Amino acid sequence: MRIFFLPATQAEIERRVLPSSRAGLQLLKAKLGNQAGMVGAAKLALGQVLPIPPTDYGI
């Protein structure tokens, strides 16, 4: 799989982010792919109805 925007993204990070803030920075491919928005929305919704901290849902 090609990552077309990676060089432009890296250039912008170099231009806009302080060196101390980008030390150790890694750009990684999202594990959830196109499902990330849906999973995030579901996690937020669960946080409104369950008295469990969002980090404990196992999502």
N, C-alpha and C. Protein backbone atom coordinates (compact mmCIF):
# COMPACT_ATOMS: atom_id res chain seq x y z
N MET A 1 0.84 -1.18 0.00
CA MET A 1 0.00 0.00 0.00
C MET A 1 0.88 1.24 0.00
N ARG A 2 0.58 2.15 -0.87
CA ARG A 2 1.35 3.39 -0.95
C ARG A 2 0.75 4.44 -0.01
N ILE A 3 1.61 5.24 0.54
CA ILE A 3 1.17 6.33 1.40
C ILE A 3 1.54 7.62 0.68
N PHE A 4 0.59 8.15 -0.10
CA PHE A 4 0.85 9.29 -0.96
C PHE A 4 1.14 10.59 -0.20
N PHE A 5 0.51 10.78 0.93
CA PHE A 5 0.64 12.04 1.64
C PHE A 5 1.75 12.06 2.69
N LEU A 6 2.42 10.96 2.88
CA LEU A 6 3.43 10.89 3.93
C LEU A 6 4.56 11.90 3.75
N PRO A 7 5.16 12.05 2.57
CA PRO A 7 6.23 13.05 2.44
C PRO A 7 5.76 14.47 2.73
N ALA A 8 4.58 14.85 2.27
CA ALA A 8 4.06 16.19 2.52
C ALA A 8 3.75 16.37 4.01
N THR A 9 3.24 15.33 4.64
CA THR A 9 2.95 15.39 6.07
C THR A 9 4.23 15.55 6.87
N GLN A 10 5.23 14.79 6.53
CA GLN A 10 6.51 14.89 7.22
C GLN A 10 7.13 16.28 7.05
N ALA A 11 7.02 16.85 5.86
CA ALA A 11 7.55 18.19 5.61
C ALA A 11 6.82 19.23 6.46
N GLU A 12 5.51 19.11 6.56
CA GLU A 12 4.74 20.06 7.38
C GLU A 12 5.07 19.93 8.85
N ILE A 13 5.27 18.72 9.30
CA ILE A 13 5.66 18.51 10.70
C ILE A 13 7.01 19.17 10.96
N GLU A 14 7.95 18.99 10.06
CA GLU A 14 9.26 19.62 10.20
C GLU A 14 9.14 21.14 10.24
N ARG A 15 8.22 21.68 9.45
CA ARG A 15 8.07 23.12 9.33
C ARG A 15 7.31 23.73 10.51
N ARG A 16 6.31 23.02 11.03
CA ARG A 16 5.39 23.62 12.00
C ARG A 16 5.58 23.18 13.46
N VAL A 17 6.22 22.05 13.69
CA VAL A 17 6.31 21.51 15.05
C VAL A 17 7.71 21.74 15.61
N LEU A 18 7.74 22.23 16.83
CA LEU A 18 9.03 22.47 17.47
C LEU A 18 9.83 21.18 17.58
N PRO A 19 11.14 21.27 17.41
CA PRO A 19 11.98 20.07 17.49
C PRO A 19 11.78 19.29 18.79
N SER A 20 11.61 19.99 19.91
CA SER A 20 11.41 19.28 21.17
C SER A 20 10.09 18.52 21.21
N SER A 21 9.09 18.99 20.47
CA SER A 21 7.79 18.31 20.44
C SER A 21 7.75 17.15 19.46
N ARG A 22 8.64 17.17 18.48
CA ARG A 22 8.62 16.07 17.51
C ARG A 22 9.69 15.02 17.77
N ALA A 23 10.45 15.18 18.84
CA ALA A 23 11.45 14.18 19.20
C ALA A 23 10.74 12.86 19.52
N GLY A 24 11.09 11.82 18.84
CA GLY A 24 10.47 10.52 19.05
C GLY A 24 9.12 10.34 18.39
N LEU A 25 8.68 11.35 17.64
CA LEU A 25 7.37 11.28 16.96
C LEU A 25 7.39 10.18 15.90
N GLN A 26 6.33 9.40 15.87
CA GLN A 26 6.19 8.36 14.85
C GLN A 26 4.85 8.54 14.16
N LEU A 27 4.84 8.45 12.85
CA LEU A 27 3.60 8.44 12.08
C LEU A 27 3.32 6.99 11.73
N LEU A 28 2.18 6.51 12.19
CA LEU A 28 1.83 5.11 11.98
C LEU A 28 0.52 4.98 11.23
N LYS A 29 0.37 3.92 10.49
CA LYS A 29 -0.87 3.62 9.81
C LYS A 29 -1.92 3.27 10.86
N ALA A 30 -3.11 3.82 10.71
CA ALA A 30 -4.19 3.57 11.66
C ALA A 30 -4.59 2.09 11.62
N LYS A 31 -4.72 1.47 12.78
CA LYS A 31 -5.10 0.07 12.84
C LYS A 31 -6.57 -0.15 12.48
N LEU A 32 -7.41 0.85 12.73
CA LEU A 32 -8.83 0.70 12.45
C LEU A 32 -9.23 1.10 11.04
N GLY A 33 -8.31 1.69 10.29
CA GLY A 33 -8.61 2.08 8.92
C GLY A 33 -9.83 2.97 8.82
N ASN A 34 -10.72 2.67 7.89
CA ASN A 34 -11.90 3.49 7.66
C ASN A 34 -12.94 3.35 8.77
N GLN A 35 -12.75 2.43 9.68
CA GLN A 35 -13.71 2.22 10.76
C GLN A 35 -13.42 3.11 11.98
N ALA A 36 -12.33 3.85 11.97
CA ALA A 36 -11.91 4.63 13.13
C ALA A 36 -12.97 5.61 13.59
N GLY A 37 -13.60 6.34 12.69
CA GLY A 37 -14.63 7.31 13.06
C GLY A 37 -15.82 6.65 13.71
N MET A 38 -16.25 5.52 13.16
CA MET A 38 -17.39 4.81 13.71
C MET A 38 -17.08 4.26 15.10
N VAL A 39 -15.90 3.71 15.29
CA VAL A 39 -15.52 3.17 16.60
C VAL A 39 -15.41 4.30 17.62
N GLY A 40 -14.83 5.42 17.21
CA GLY A 40 -14.72 6.56 18.12
C GLY A 40 -16.07 7.09 18.53
N ALA A 41 -17.01 7.19 17.59
CA ALA A 41 -18.36 7.66 17.91
C ALA A 41 -19.06 6.69 18.86
N ALA A 42 -18.89 5.40 18.63
CA ALA A 42 -19.51 4.40 19.51
C ALA A 42 -18.93 4.50 20.92
N LYS A 43 -17.63 4.72 21.00
CA LYS A 43 -16.99 4.84 22.30
C LYS A 43 -17.50 6.07 23.05
N LEU A 44 -17.67 7.18 22.35
CA LEU A 44 -18.23 8.38 22.98
C LEU A 44 -19.66 8.13 23.44
N ALA A 45 -20.46 7.46 22.63
CA ALA A 45 -21.85 7.17 23.00
C ALA A 45 -21.90 6.28 24.23
N LEU A 46 -21.06 5.26 24.28
CA LEU A 46 -21.03 4.37 25.45
C LEU A 46 -20.67 5.15 26.71
N GLY A 47 -19.81 6.12 26.57
CA GLY A 47 -19.41 6.94 27.70
C GLY A 47 -20.56 7.75 28.27
N GLN A 48 -21.59 7.98 27.47
CA GLN A 48 -22.75 8.73 27.93
C GLN A 48 -23.76 7.85 28.66
N VAL A 49 -23.74 6.56 28.42
CA VAL A 49 -24.76 5.68 29.01
C VAL A 49 -24.21 4.68 30.03
N LEU A 50 -22.91 4.42 30.02
CA LEU A 50 -22.33 3.48 30.96
C LEU A 50 -21.46 4.22 31.98
N PRO A 51 -21.56 3.85 33.24
CA PRO A 51 -20.74 4.53 34.26
C PRO A 51 -19.31 4.00 34.36
N ILE A 52 -18.76 3.58 33.23
CA ILE A 52 -17.42 3.01 33.20
C ILE A 52 -16.52 3.99 32.44
N PRO A 53 -15.32 4.28 32.94
CA PRO A 53 -14.42 5.16 32.19
C PRO A 53 -14.20 4.64 30.78
N PRO A 54 -14.14 5.54 29.77
CA PRO A 54 -14.00 5.11 28.37
C PRO A 54 -12.83 4.18 28.11
N THR A 55 -11.77 4.24 28.89
CA THR A 55 -10.61 3.40 28.63
C THR A 55 -10.84 1.96 29.05
N ASP A 56 -11.93 1.67 29.74
CA ASP A 56 -12.19 0.32 30.24
C ASP A 56 -13.14 -0.49 29.34
N TYR A 57 -13.53 0.04 28.19
CA TYR A 57 -14.48 -0.68 27.33
C TYR A 57 -13.83 -1.79 26.52
N GLY A 58 -12.52 -1.76 26.42
CA GLY A 58 -11.84 -2.77 25.62
C GLY A 58 -11.89 -2.47 24.14
N ILE A 59 -12.20 -1.24 23.78
CA ILE A 59 -12.27 -0.85 22.36
C ILE A 59 -10.92 -0.33 21.94
